[in-house]
Amino acid sequence: MFYITSEPTSGYVNKSNSSDWQRWIRRSLPEGLDDEVQQRLVSNLKHVLVGLELKAALIIPHARRGMGPSVLFEPYLHIMNFEFCVGVFSVLEGIGSALWLRENGLDGSEGNRVAPFQWKPSLVSKFDPSGEDSLDTLVDCVKSVRDKLHQDQIGARSSIDWHSFSFDDAFVPAFRALRCLLLREEQRLPESTNLRSL
């Protein structure tokens, strides 16, 4: 059995609680969102982030085990890498959309849909203005993996999705994109989070 803490316990042990993420999320969102919209977004993202901690706690030790015993059954690893990308994309999209809404004088109360081509520049402008962390490229990579959840045009693909879900091709770019956001307000992160570094 694999545990995400060094001390085996009976039952699930989490890295942080959902509520621990609220400070970081609120600080990352722009001022002026509709109160109810902000409350829903904070609630959605805090649960996604706790889920990402669990996935990272399983994926990283497996990928970095060298010749040691497997932590995960290999198909689980690839699907968890995919799920990690889906979760990270949700965080990028949520914060990026909020930024775009406020930049355009909107507060989200009208249910505006914000497309990736709209919110991505807003996200990059706030979290990687110099381009030093390649957030623009990383967002595209995460979106490319996330978009594999659509199976309606499978005949148009050159290969099966499996090859896109590897640790290096899916998890690492998603982790780097998320870390770019997290470290901007590092002092407000949950103290015990495992999402700071690989």
N, C-alpha and C. Protein backbone atom coordinates (compact mmCIF):
# COMPACT_ATOMS: atom_id res chain seq x y z
N MET A 1 0.84 -1.18 0.00
CA MET A 1 0.00 0.00 0.00
C MET A 1 0.88 1.24 0.00
N PHE A 2 0.48 2.26 -0.74
CA PHE A 2 1.25 3.50 -0.84
C PHE A 2 0.54 4.60 -0.08
N TYR A 3 1.29 5.35 0.71
CA TYR A 3 0.75 6.44 1.50
C TYR A 3 1.36 7.76 1.05
N ILE A 4 0.64 8.85 1.19
CA ILE A 4 1.19 10.15 0.81
C ILE A 4 1.87 10.83 1.99
N THR A 5 2.03 10.12 3.08
CA THR A 5 2.81 10.61 4.21
C THR A 5 3.88 9.57 4.51
N SER A 6 4.89 9.93 5.26
CA SER A 6 5.96 9.00 5.58
C SER A 6 5.53 7.97 6.62
N GLU A 7 4.47 8.27 7.37
CA GLU A 7 4.00 7.35 8.40
C GLU A 7 2.72 6.65 7.93
N PRO A 8 2.77 5.33 7.72
CA PRO A 8 1.55 4.62 7.32
C PRO A 8 0.45 4.79 8.34
N THR A 9 -0.75 4.98 7.85
CA THR A 9 -1.92 5.14 8.71
C THR A 9 -3.04 4.27 8.17
N SER A 10 -4.09 4.14 8.92
CA SER A 10 -5.26 3.45 8.38
C SER A 10 -6.21 4.50 7.85
N GLY A 11 -6.41 4.50 6.56
CA GLY A 11 -7.30 5.49 5.96
C GLY A 11 -6.55 6.55 5.19
N TYR A 12 -7.31 7.50 4.67
CA TYR A 12 -6.77 8.54 3.79
C TYR A 12 -6.19 9.70 4.59
N VAL A 13 -5.02 10.14 4.18
CA VAL A 13 -4.39 11.31 4.79
C VAL A 13 -4.20 12.35 3.70
N ASN A 14 -4.74 13.54 3.92
CA ASN A 14 -4.64 14.58 2.90
C ASN A 14 -3.48 15.52 3.19
N LYS A 15 -2.98 16.16 2.14
CA LYS A 15 -1.89 17.12 2.28
C LYS A 15 -2.41 18.42 2.89
N SER A 16 -3.50 18.92 2.40
CA SER A 16 -4.11 20.13 2.96
C SER A 16 -5.62 20.02 2.84
N ASN A 17 -6.32 20.90 3.49
CA ASN A 17 -7.78 20.93 3.40
C ASN A 17 -8.20 21.93 2.32
N SER A 18 -9.39 21.73 1.80
CA SER A 18 -9.89 22.65 0.77
C SER A 18 -9.84 24.09 1.24
N SER A 19 -10.23 24.31 2.49
CA SER A 19 -10.28 25.68 3.01
C SER A 19 -8.90 26.32 3.07
N ASP A 20 -7.84 25.51 3.15
CA ASP A 20 -6.48 26.06 3.19
C ASP A 20 -6.11 26.78 1.89
N TRP A 21 -6.80 26.46 0.82
CA TRP A 21 -6.49 27.05 -0.49
C TRP A 21 -7.18 28.39 -0.72
N GLN A 22 -8.13 28.75 0.11
CA GLN A 22 -8.93 29.95 -0.16
C GLN A 22 -8.10 31.23 -0.20
N ARG A 23 -7.12 31.36 0.70
CA ARG A 23 -6.30 32.59 0.72
C ARG A 23 -5.57 32.77 -0.61
N TRP A 24 -4.95 31.69 -1.10
CA TRP A 24 -4.20 31.81 -2.36
C TRP A 24 -5.14 32.13 -3.51
N ILE A 25 -6.27 31.45 -3.59
CA ILE A 25 -7.20 31.67 -4.70
C ILE A 25 -7.72 33.11 -4.68
N ARG A 26 -8.17 33.57 -3.52
CA ARG A 26 -8.71 34.93 -3.43
C ARG A 26 -7.66 35.97 -3.82
N ARG A 27 -6.42 35.75 -3.42
CA ARG A 27 -5.36 36.70 -3.76
C ARG A 27 -5.04 36.68 -5.26
N SER A 28 -5.26 35.55 -5.90
CA SER A 28 -4.96 35.40 -7.32
C SER A 28 -6.06 35.95 -8.22
N LEU A 29 -7.25 36.09 -7.67
CA LEU A 29 -8.38 36.62 -8.45
C LEU A 29 -8.38 38.14 -8.42
N PRO A 30 -8.87 38.76 -9.48
CA PRO A 30 -8.94 40.23 -9.49
C PRO A 30 -10.08 40.73 -8.61
N GLU A 31 -9.95 41.95 -8.15
CA GLU A 31 -11.04 42.58 -7.40
C GLU A 31 -12.16 42.96 -8.36
N GLY A 32 -13.39 42.98 -7.83
CA GLY A 32 -14.52 43.47 -8.62
C GLY A 32 -15.40 42.40 -9.23
N LEU A 33 -15.08 41.11 -9.00
CA LEU A 33 -15.99 40.08 -9.46
C LEU A 33 -17.27 40.13 -8.63
N ASP A 34 -18.37 39.73 -9.23
CA ASP A 34 -19.62 39.60 -8.48
C ASP A 34 -19.37 38.65 -7.30
N ASP A 35 -19.92 38.99 -6.14
CA ASP A 35 -19.66 38.22 -4.91
C ASP A 35 -20.00 36.74 -5.07
N GLU A 36 -21.15 36.47 -5.64
CA GLU A 36 -21.58 35.07 -5.80
C GLU A 36 -20.69 34.34 -6.80
N VAL A 37 -20.31 35.03 -7.87
CA VAL A 37 -19.42 34.43 -8.87
C VAL A 37 -18.08 34.09 -8.22
N GLN A 38 -17.55 35.02 -7.44
CA GLN A 38 -16.27 34.78 -6.79
C GLN A 38 -16.38 33.62 -5.80
N GLN A 39 -17.44 33.59 -5.04
CA GLN A 39 -17.62 32.53 -4.06
C GLN A 39 -17.66 31.15 -4.73
N ARG A 40 -18.39 31.05 -5.85
CA ARG A 40 -18.47 29.77 -6.57
C ARG A 40 -17.12 29.39 -7.14
N LEU A 41 -16.40 30.37 -7.70
CA LEU A 41 -15.10 30.08 -8.29
C LEU A 41 -14.10 29.62 -7.23
N VAL A 42 -14.07 30.30 -6.11
CA VAL A 42 -13.18 29.89 -5.02
C VAL A 42 -13.52 28.48 -4.57
N SER A 43 -14.81 28.20 -4.41
CA SER A 43 -15.24 26.88 -3.97
C SER A 43 -14.85 25.80 -4.97
N ASN A 44 -15.07 26.06 -6.25
CA ASN A 44 -14.70 25.09 -7.29
C ASN A 44 -13.19 24.83 -7.30
N LEU A 45 -12.42 25.89 -7.31
CA LEU A 45 -10.97 25.73 -7.46
C LEU A 45 -10.31 25.12 -6.24
N LYS A 46 -10.80 25.41 -5.04
CA LYS A 46 -10.16 24.85 -3.84
C LYS A 46 -10.30 23.33 -3.83
N HIS A 47 -11.41 22.81 -4.32
CA HIS A 47 -11.58 21.36 -4.37
C HIS A 47 -10.72 20.75 -5.48
N VAL A 48 -10.60 21.43 -6.58
CA VAL A 48 -9.74 20.95 -7.66
C VAL A 48 -8.29 20.87 -7.17
N LEU A 49 -7.84 21.89 -6.46
CA LEU A 49 -6.44 21.94 -6.01
C LEU A 49 -6.12 20.84 -5.00
N VAL A 50 -7.04 20.54 -4.10
CA VAL A 50 -6.82 19.43 -3.16
C VAL A 50 -6.74 18.11 -3.93
N GLY A 51 -7.57 17.95 -4.95
CA GLY A 51 -7.49 16.76 -5.79
C GLY A 51 -6.17 16.65 -6.52
N LEU A 52 -5.64 17.79 -6.97
CA LEU A 52 -4.35 17.79 -7.66
C LEU A 52 -3.22 17.37 -6.72
N GLU A 53 -3.33 17.75 -5.44
CA GLU A 53 -2.32 17.32 -4.47
C GLU A 53 -2.27 15.80 -4.36
N LEU A 54 -3.42 15.17 -4.31
CA LEU A 54 -3.45 13.71 -4.21
C LEU A 54 -2.85 13.07 -5.46
N LYS A 55 -3.23 13.56 -6.62
CA LYS A 55 -2.68 12.99 -7.85
C LYS A 55 -1.16 13.16 -7.90
N ALA A 56 -0.68 14.35 -7.54
CA ALA A 56 0.77 14.58 -7.54
C ALA A 56 1.48 13.65 -6.56
N ALA A 57 0.84 13.39 -5.41
CA ALA A 57 1.43 12.53 -4.39
C ALA A 57 1.57 11.10 -4.87
N LEU A 58 0.76 10.69 -5.82
CA LEU A 58 0.85 9.34 -6.39
C LEU A 58 1.72 9.31 -7.64
N ILE A 59 1.58 10.31 -8.49
CA ILE A 59 2.28 10.32 -9.79
C ILE A 59 3.78 10.51 -9.63
N ILE A 60 4.20 11.50 -8.84
CA ILE A 60 5.63 11.84 -8.77
C ILE A 60 6.48 10.69 -8.24
N PRO A 61 6.12 10.07 -7.12
CA PRO A 61 6.94 8.95 -6.66
C PRO A 61 7.03 7.79 -7.66
N HIS A 62 5.94 7.54 -8.37
CA HIS A 62 5.97 6.48 -9.38
C HIS A 62 6.93 6.84 -10.52
N ALA A 63 6.81 8.06 -11.00
CA ALA A 63 7.65 8.48 -12.14
C ALA A 63 9.12 8.58 -11.76
N ARG A 64 9.41 8.88 -10.50
CA ARG A 64 10.79 9.09 -10.06
C ARG A 64 11.38 7.89 -9.32
N ARG A 65 10.74 6.73 -9.41
CA ARG A 65 11.15 5.58 -8.62
C ARG A 65 12.40 4.89 -9.13
N GLY A 66 12.84 5.23 -10.36
CA GLY A 66 14.00 4.55 -10.93
C GLY A 66 13.70 3.08 -11.16
N MET A 67 14.54 2.23 -10.63
CA MET A 67 14.34 0.78 -10.79
C MET A 67 13.53 0.19 -9.64
N GLY A 68 13.03 1.06 -8.76
CA GLY A 68 12.26 0.59 -7.61
C GLY A 68 10.91 0.02 -8.01
N PRO A 69 10.18 -0.53 -7.05
CA PRO A 69 8.87 -1.12 -7.36
C PRO A 69 7.86 -0.07 -7.80
N SER A 70 6.94 -0.49 -8.63
CA SER A 70 5.89 0.42 -9.11
C SER A 70 5.00 0.88 -7.98
N VAL A 71 4.63 2.12 -8.04
CA VAL A 71 3.66 2.68 -7.10
C VAL A 71 2.26 2.54 -7.69
N LEU A 72 2.16 2.72 -8.99
CA LEU A 72 0.87 2.68 -9.67
C LEU A 72 0.91 1.66 -10.81
N PHE A 73 -0.20 1.03 -11.07
CA PHE A 73 -0.40 0.24 -12.27
C PHE A 73 -0.27 1.21 -13.45
N GLU A 74 0.52 0.85 -14.46
CA GLU A 74 0.87 1.80 -15.53
C GLU A 74 -0.32 2.50 -16.18
N PRO A 75 -1.42 1.79 -16.50
CA PRO A 75 -2.57 2.52 -17.06
C PRO A 75 -3.12 3.58 -16.11
N TYR A 76 -3.03 3.34 -14.78
CA TYR A 76 -3.48 4.35 -13.84
C TYR A 76 -2.63 5.60 -13.96
N LEU A 77 -1.32 5.40 -14.11
CA LEU A 77 -0.41 6.55 -14.20
C LEU A 77 -0.80 7.45 -15.37
N HIS A 78 -0.99 6.86 -16.53
CA HIS A 78 -1.30 7.67 -17.71
C HIS A 78 -2.64 8.39 -17.56
N ILE A 79 -3.62 7.69 -17.04
CA ILE A 79 -4.93 8.33 -16.86
C ILE A 79 -4.86 9.40 -15.77
N MET A 80 -4.08 9.17 -14.73
CA MET A 80 -3.92 10.20 -13.70
C MET A 80 -3.18 11.42 -14.24
N ASN A 81 -2.20 11.22 -15.12
CA ASN A 81 -1.54 12.35 -15.77
C ASN A 81 -2.56 13.17 -16.56
N PHE A 82 -3.43 12.47 -17.28
CA PHE A 82 -4.49 13.13 -18.04
C PHE A 82 -5.42 13.91 -17.10
N GLU A 83 -5.85 13.26 -16.02
CA GLU A 83 -6.74 13.92 -15.06
C GLU A 83 -6.06 15.12 -14.40
N PHE A 84 -4.76 15.02 -14.16
CA PHE A 84 -4.02 16.15 -13.60
C PHE A 84 -4.09 17.35 -14.55
N CYS A 85 -3.93 17.08 -15.86
CA CYS A 85 -4.02 18.15 -16.86
C CYS A 85 -5.41 18.78 -16.88
N VAL A 86 -6.44 17.96 -16.77
CA VAL A 86 -7.81 18.47 -16.76
C VAL A 86 -8.00 19.41 -15.56
N GLY A 87 -7.52 18.99 -14.40
CA GLY A 87 -7.64 19.83 -13.21
C GLY A 87 -6.85 21.11 -13.31
N VAL A 88 -5.62 21.02 -13.80
CA VAL A 88 -4.79 22.22 -13.96
C VAL A 88 -5.44 23.17 -14.95
N PHE A 89 -5.97 22.63 -16.04
CA PHE A 89 -6.63 23.50 -17.02
C PHE A 89 -7.79 24.24 -16.38
N SER A 90 -8.52 23.58 -15.51
CA SER A 90 -9.64 24.21 -14.83
C SER A 90 -9.17 25.40 -13.99
N VAL A 91 -8.04 25.24 -13.30
CA VAL A 91 -7.49 26.35 -12.51
C VAL A 91 -7.05 27.49 -13.41
N LEU A 92 -6.32 27.17 -14.49
CA LEU A 92 -5.87 28.20 -15.43
C LEU A 92 -7.05 28.95 -16.04
N GLU A 93 -8.05 28.20 -16.46
CA GLU A 93 -9.22 28.79 -17.10
C GLU A 93 -10.02 29.64 -16.12
N GLY A 94 -10.20 29.15 -14.90
CA GLY A 94 -10.97 29.90 -13.92
C GLY A 94 -10.34 31.24 -13.59
N ILE A 95 -9.05 31.22 -13.30
CA ILE A 95 -8.37 32.46 -12.94
C ILE A 95 -8.20 33.36 -14.17
N GLY A 96 -7.83 32.76 -15.30
CA GLY A 96 -7.66 33.55 -16.53
C GLY A 96 -8.95 34.22 -16.96
N SER A 97 -10.06 33.50 -16.87
CA SER A 97 -11.36 34.07 -17.24
C SER A 97 -11.74 35.22 -16.33
N ALA A 98 -11.49 35.05 -15.03
CA ALA A 98 -11.79 36.13 -14.07
C ALA A 98 -10.98 37.38 -14.40
N LEU A 99 -9.72 37.19 -14.73
CA LEU A 99 -8.87 38.34 -15.09
C LEU A 99 -9.41 39.04 -16.33
N TRP A 100 -9.77 38.25 -17.35
CA TRP A 100 -10.28 38.84 -18.60
C TRP A 100 -11.58 39.60 -18.35
N LEU A 101 -12.46 39.01 -17.55
CA LEU A 101 -13.74 39.67 -17.27
C LEU A 101 -13.51 41.05 -16.67
N ARG A 102 -12.66 41.14 -15.68
CA ARG A 102 -12.43 42.43 -15.02
C ARG A 102 -11.71 43.41 -15.95
N GLU A 103 -10.79 42.90 -16.77
CA GLU A 103 -10.11 43.79 -17.73
C GLU A 103 -11.10 44.40 -18.72
N ASN A 104 -12.22 43.72 -18.91
CA ASN A 104 -13.22 44.18 -19.87
C ASN A 104 -14.47 44.74 -19.18
N GLY A 105 -14.33 45.13 -17.93
CA GLY A 105 -15.40 45.80 -17.21
C GLY A 105 -16.58 44.91 -16.86
N LEU A 106 -16.37 43.61 -16.82
CA LEU A 106 -17.44 42.67 -16.50
C LEU A 106 -17.17 42.02 -15.15
N ASP A 107 -18.24 41.57 -14.49
CA ASP A 107 -18.04 40.94 -13.18
C ASP A 107 -18.46 39.47 -13.15
N GLY A 108 -18.85 38.93 -14.31
CA GLY A 108 -19.20 37.52 -14.40
C GLY A 108 -20.65 37.21 -14.09
N SER A 109 -21.41 38.18 -13.60
CA SER A 109 -22.79 37.92 -13.17
C SER A 109 -23.73 37.63 -14.34
N GLU A 110 -23.31 37.96 -15.56
CA GLU A 110 -24.15 37.71 -16.73
C GLU A 110 -23.88 36.35 -17.35
N GLY A 111 -22.99 35.57 -16.72
CA GLY A 111 -22.70 34.22 -17.23
C GLY A 111 -21.90 34.24 -18.51
N ASN A 112 -21.06 35.26 -18.68
CA ASN A 112 -20.27 35.39 -19.91
C ASN A 112 -19.37 34.17 -20.10
N ARG A 113 -19.33 33.65 -21.32
CA ARG A 113 -18.38 32.59 -21.65
C ARG A 113 -17.11 33.26 -22.16
N VAL A 114 -15.98 32.86 -21.60
CA VAL A 114 -14.70 33.44 -22.01
C VAL A 114 -13.87 32.33 -22.65
N ALA A 115 -13.54 32.52 -23.91
CA ALA A 115 -12.80 31.49 -24.66
C ALA A 115 -11.31 31.52 -24.29
N PRO A 116 -10.62 30.40 -24.49
CA PRO A 116 -9.18 30.36 -24.17
C PRO A 116 -8.37 31.45 -24.87
N PHE A 117 -8.70 31.77 -26.12
CA PHE A 117 -7.91 32.79 -26.81
C PHE A 117 -8.09 34.17 -26.16
N GLN A 118 -9.16 34.32 -25.38
CA GLN A 118 -9.38 35.57 -24.66
C GLN A 118 -8.66 35.58 -23.31
N TRP A 119 -8.85 34.51 -22.52
CA TRP A 119 -8.31 34.53 -21.16
C TRP A 119 -6.82 34.22 -21.08
N LYS A 120 -6.27 33.49 -22.06
CA LYS A 120 -4.86 33.12 -21.96
C LYS A 120 -3.93 34.34 -21.91
N PRO A 121 -4.09 35.35 -22.75
CA PRO A 121 -3.23 36.53 -22.65
C PRO A 121 -3.35 37.24 -21.29
N SER A 122 -4.56 37.26 -20.73
CA SER A 122 -4.76 37.89 -19.42
C SER A 122 -4.00 37.13 -18.34
N LEU A 123 -4.04 35.81 -18.41
CA LEU A 123 -3.35 34.96 -17.44
C LEU A 123 -1.83 35.14 -17.55
N VAL A 124 -1.34 35.09 -18.77
CA VAL A 124 0.10 35.22 -19.01
C VAL A 124 0.59 36.60 -18.59
N SER A 125 -0.20 37.62 -18.88
CA SER A 125 0.19 38.99 -18.53
C SER A 125 0.37 39.16 -17.02
N LYS A 126 -0.46 38.49 -16.24
CA LYS A 126 -0.35 38.61 -14.78
C LYS A 126 0.73 37.71 -14.20
N PHE A 127 0.81 36.47 -14.66
CA PHE A 127 1.65 35.49 -13.99
C PHE A 127 3.00 35.23 -14.65
N ASP A 128 3.16 35.62 -15.90
CA ASP A 128 4.45 35.42 -16.58
C ASP A 128 4.67 36.52 -17.62
N PRO A 129 4.65 37.78 -17.19
CA PRO A 129 4.74 38.89 -18.15
C PRO A 129 6.04 38.90 -18.95
N SER A 130 7.13 38.41 -18.38
CA SER A 130 8.41 38.41 -19.10
C SER A 130 8.55 37.21 -20.02
N GLY A 131 7.69 36.21 -19.87
CA GLY A 131 7.80 34.99 -20.67
C GLY A 131 8.86 34.04 -20.16
N GLU A 132 9.45 34.36 -19.04
CA GLU A 132 10.56 33.57 -18.49
C GLU A 132 10.16 32.13 -18.19
N ASP A 133 8.91 31.92 -17.77
CA ASP A 133 8.46 30.57 -17.41
C ASP A 133 7.71 29.86 -18.53
N SER A 134 7.61 30.49 -19.70
CA SER A 134 6.95 29.89 -20.87
C SER A 134 5.49 29.52 -20.60
N LEU A 135 4.81 30.31 -19.77
CA LEU A 135 3.42 29.99 -19.42
C LEU A 135 2.54 29.91 -20.66
N ASP A 136 2.76 30.77 -21.62
CA ASP A 136 1.95 30.77 -22.84
C ASP A 136 2.00 29.40 -23.52
N THR A 137 3.19 28.86 -23.68
CA THR A 137 3.38 27.56 -24.32
C THR A 137 2.84 26.44 -23.44
N LEU A 138 3.05 26.54 -22.14
CA LEU A 138 2.59 25.51 -21.22
C LEU A 138 1.06 25.42 -21.20
N VAL A 139 0.38 26.55 -21.26
CA VAL A 139 -1.08 26.54 -21.31
C VAL A 139 -1.55 25.79 -22.55
N ASP A 140 -0.91 26.04 -23.69
CA ASP A 140 -1.27 25.34 -24.92
C ASP A 140 -1.07 23.83 -24.78
N CYS A 141 0.01 23.45 -24.14
CA CYS A 141 0.31 22.03 -23.94
C CYS A 141 -0.76 21.38 -23.06
N VAL A 142 -1.09 22.03 -21.96
CA VAL A 142 -2.11 21.51 -21.04
C VAL A 142 -3.46 21.41 -21.75
N LYS A 143 -3.79 22.42 -22.51
CA LYS A 143 -5.07 22.41 -23.25
C LYS A 143 -5.10 21.28 -24.26
N SER A 144 -3.98 21.04 -24.92
CA SER A 144 -3.91 19.97 -25.92
C SER A 144 -4.21 18.61 -25.28
N VAL A 145 -3.65 18.37 -24.10
CA VAL A 145 -3.92 17.12 -23.40
C VAL A 145 -5.36 17.10 -22.91
N ARG A 146 -5.80 18.19 -22.30
CA ARG A 146 -7.17 18.26 -21.78
C ARG A 146 -8.19 18.00 -22.89
N ASP A 147 -7.93 18.51 -24.08
CA ASP A 147 -8.87 18.36 -25.18
C ASP A 147 -9.03 16.92 -25.64
N LYS A 148 -8.16 16.04 -25.20
CA LYS A 148 -8.28 14.62 -25.56
C LYS A 148 -9.50 13.99 -24.91
N LEU A 149 -10.14 14.68 -23.97
CA LEU A 149 -11.36 14.12 -23.37
C LEU A 149 -12.48 14.06 -24.40
N HIS A 150 -12.37 14.84 -25.47
CA HIS A 150 -13.37 14.81 -26.54
C HIS A 150 -13.06 13.63 -27.46
N GLN A 151 -14.00 12.73 -27.57
CA GLN A 151 -13.81 11.53 -28.39
C GLN A 151 -14.69 11.54 -29.63
N ASP A 152 -15.22 12.72 -29.99
CA ASP A 152 -16.18 12.78 -31.08
C ASP A 152 -15.53 12.79 -32.47
N GLN A 153 -14.20 13.03 -32.55
CA GLN A 153 -13.53 13.03 -33.86
C GLN A 153 -12.29 12.15 -33.81
N ILE A 154 -12.46 10.98 -33.23
CA ILE A 154 -11.32 10.10 -33.02
C ILE A 154 -10.65 9.68 -34.34
N GLY A 155 -11.42 9.62 -35.41
CA GLY A 155 -10.86 9.25 -36.71
C GLY A 155 -9.88 10.27 -37.25
N ALA A 156 -9.94 11.49 -36.74
CA ALA A 156 -9.05 12.55 -37.22
C ALA A 156 -7.69 12.52 -36.51
N ARG A 157 -7.53 11.67 -35.51
CA ARG A 157 -6.28 11.62 -34.76
C ARG A 157 -5.29 10.67 -35.41
N SER A 158 -4.03 11.00 -35.28
CA SER A 158 -2.99 10.18 -35.91
C SER A 158 -2.57 9.00 -35.04
N SER A 159 -2.92 9.04 -33.78
CA SER A 159 -2.52 7.97 -32.88
C SER A 159 -3.51 7.90 -31.71
N ILE A 160 -3.33 6.89 -30.86
CA ILE A 160 -4.18 6.82 -29.68
C ILE A 160 -3.73 7.86 -28.67
N ASP A 161 -4.62 8.22 -27.77
CA ASP A 161 -4.34 9.27 -26.79
C ASP A 161 -3.25 8.87 -25.79
N TRP A 162 -3.10 7.59 -25.55
CA TRP A 162 -2.17 7.06 -24.54
C TRP A 162 -0.81 7.74 -24.60
N HIS A 163 -0.31 7.94 -25.82
CA HIS A 163 1.04 8.47 -26.00
C HIS A 163 1.16 9.93 -25.53
N SER A 164 0.05 10.62 -25.45
CA SER A 164 0.06 12.02 -25.02
C SER A 164 -0.02 12.16 -23.50
N PHE A 165 -0.22 11.06 -22.79
CA PHE A 165 -0.48 11.11 -21.36
C PHE A 165 0.72 10.69 -20.51
N SER A 166 1.91 10.75 -21.05
CA SER A 166 3.09 10.34 -20.29
C SER A 166 3.44 11.39 -19.23
N PHE A 167 4.30 11.01 -18.30
CA PHE A 167 4.75 11.93 -17.26
C PHE A 167 5.38 13.17 -17.87
N ASP A 168 6.30 12.98 -18.81
CA ASP A 168 7.03 14.11 -19.39
C ASP A 168 6.16 14.96 -20.32
N ASP A 169 5.24 14.32 -21.05
CA ASP A 169 4.44 15.06 -22.03
C ASP A 169 3.17 15.68 -21.47
N ALA A 170 2.67 15.14 -20.37
CA ALA A 170 1.42 15.64 -19.81
C ALA A 170 1.60 16.22 -18.42
N PHE A 171 2.11 15.42 -17.49
CA PHE A 171 2.18 15.87 -16.10
C PHE A 171 3.15 17.03 -15.92
N VAL A 172 4.36 16.91 -16.44
CA VAL A 172 5.39 17.93 -16.19
C VAL A 172 4.97 19.30 -16.72
N PRO A 173 4.50 19.43 -17.97
CA PRO A 173 4.06 20.76 -18.41
C PRO A 173 2.91 21.32 -17.58
N ALA A 174 1.97 20.46 -17.18
CA ALA A 174 0.85 20.92 -16.37
C ALA A 174 1.34 21.38 -15.00
N PHE A 175 2.25 20.62 -14.40
CA PHE A 175 2.79 20.99 -13.10
C PHE A 175 3.53 22.32 -13.19
N ARG A 176 4.32 22.51 -14.25
CA ARG A 176 5.06 23.76 -14.43
C ARG A 176 4.12 24.94 -14.62
N ALA A 177 3.05 24.74 -15.38
CA ALA A 177 2.08 25.83 -15.60
C ALA A 177 1.42 26.21 -14.28
N LEU A 178 1.01 25.21 -13.52
CA LEU A 178 0.37 25.48 -12.23
C LEU A 178 1.34 26.16 -11.27
N ARG A 179 2.57 25.67 -11.23
CA ARG A 179 3.58 26.24 -10.33
C ARG A 179 3.84 27.71 -10.65
N CYS A 180 3.77 28.06 -11.92
CA CYS A 180 3.96 29.46 -12.33
C CYS A 180 2.94 30.35 -11.63
N LEU A 181 1.70 29.86 -11.52
CA LEU A 181 0.66 30.62 -10.82
C LEU A 181 0.88 30.57 -9.31
N LEU A 182 1.15 29.39 -8.80
CA LEU A 182 1.24 29.22 -7.35
C LEU A 182 2.34 30.06 -6.72
N LEU A 183 3.47 30.12 -7.37
CA LEU A 183 4.62 30.79 -6.76
C LEU A 183 4.50 32.31 -6.78
N ARG A 184 3.56 32.83 -7.55
CA ARG A 184 3.34 34.28 -7.58
C ARG A 184 2.89 34.80 -6.21
N GLU A 185 2.14 33.96 -5.50
CA GLU A 185 1.67 34.31 -4.15
C GLU A 185 2.04 33.16 -3.21
N GLU A 186 3.31 32.77 -3.24
CA GLU A 186 3.73 31.56 -2.52
C GLU A 186 3.44 31.64 -1.02
N GLN A 187 3.55 32.82 -0.44
CA GLN A 187 3.35 32.96 1.01
C GLN A 187 1.90 32.67 1.41
N ARG A 188 0.99 32.62 0.46
CA ARG A 188 -0.41 32.33 0.77
C ARG A 188 -0.81 30.90 0.44
N LEU A 189 0.16 30.10 0.03
CA LEU A 189 -0.13 28.69 -0.25
C LEU A 189 -0.31 27.92 1.06
N PRO A 190 -1.08 26.82 1.02
CA PRO A 190 -1.12 25.95 2.19
C PRO A 190 0.30 25.47 2.52
N GLU A 191 0.65 25.51 3.78
CA GLU A 191 2.02 25.20 4.19
C GLU A 191 2.44 23.79 3.76
N SER A 192 1.51 22.85 3.79
CA SER A 192 1.88 21.45 3.53
C SER A 192 1.71 21.02 2.08
N THR A 193 1.36 21.94 1.18
CA THR A 193 1.10 21.51 -0.19
C THR A 193 2.34 20.91 -0.86
N ASN A 194 2.11 19.93 -1.70
CA ASN A 194 3.19 19.29 -2.45
C ASN A 194 3.24 19.81 -3.89
N LEU A 195 2.59 20.93 -4.17
CA LEU A 195 2.52 21.45 -5.52
C LEU A 195 3.53 22.57 -5.78
N ARG A 196 4.45 22.78 -4.85
CA ARG A 196 5.46 23.83 -5.04
C ARG A 196 6.56 23.44 -6.02
N SER A 197 7.01 22.20 -5.92
CA SER A 197 8.14 21.77 -6.78
C SER A 197 8.07 20.28 -7.02
N LEU A 198 8.66 19.86 -8.13
CA LEU A 198 8.69 18.44 -8.49
C LEU A 198 9.69 17.69 -7.64
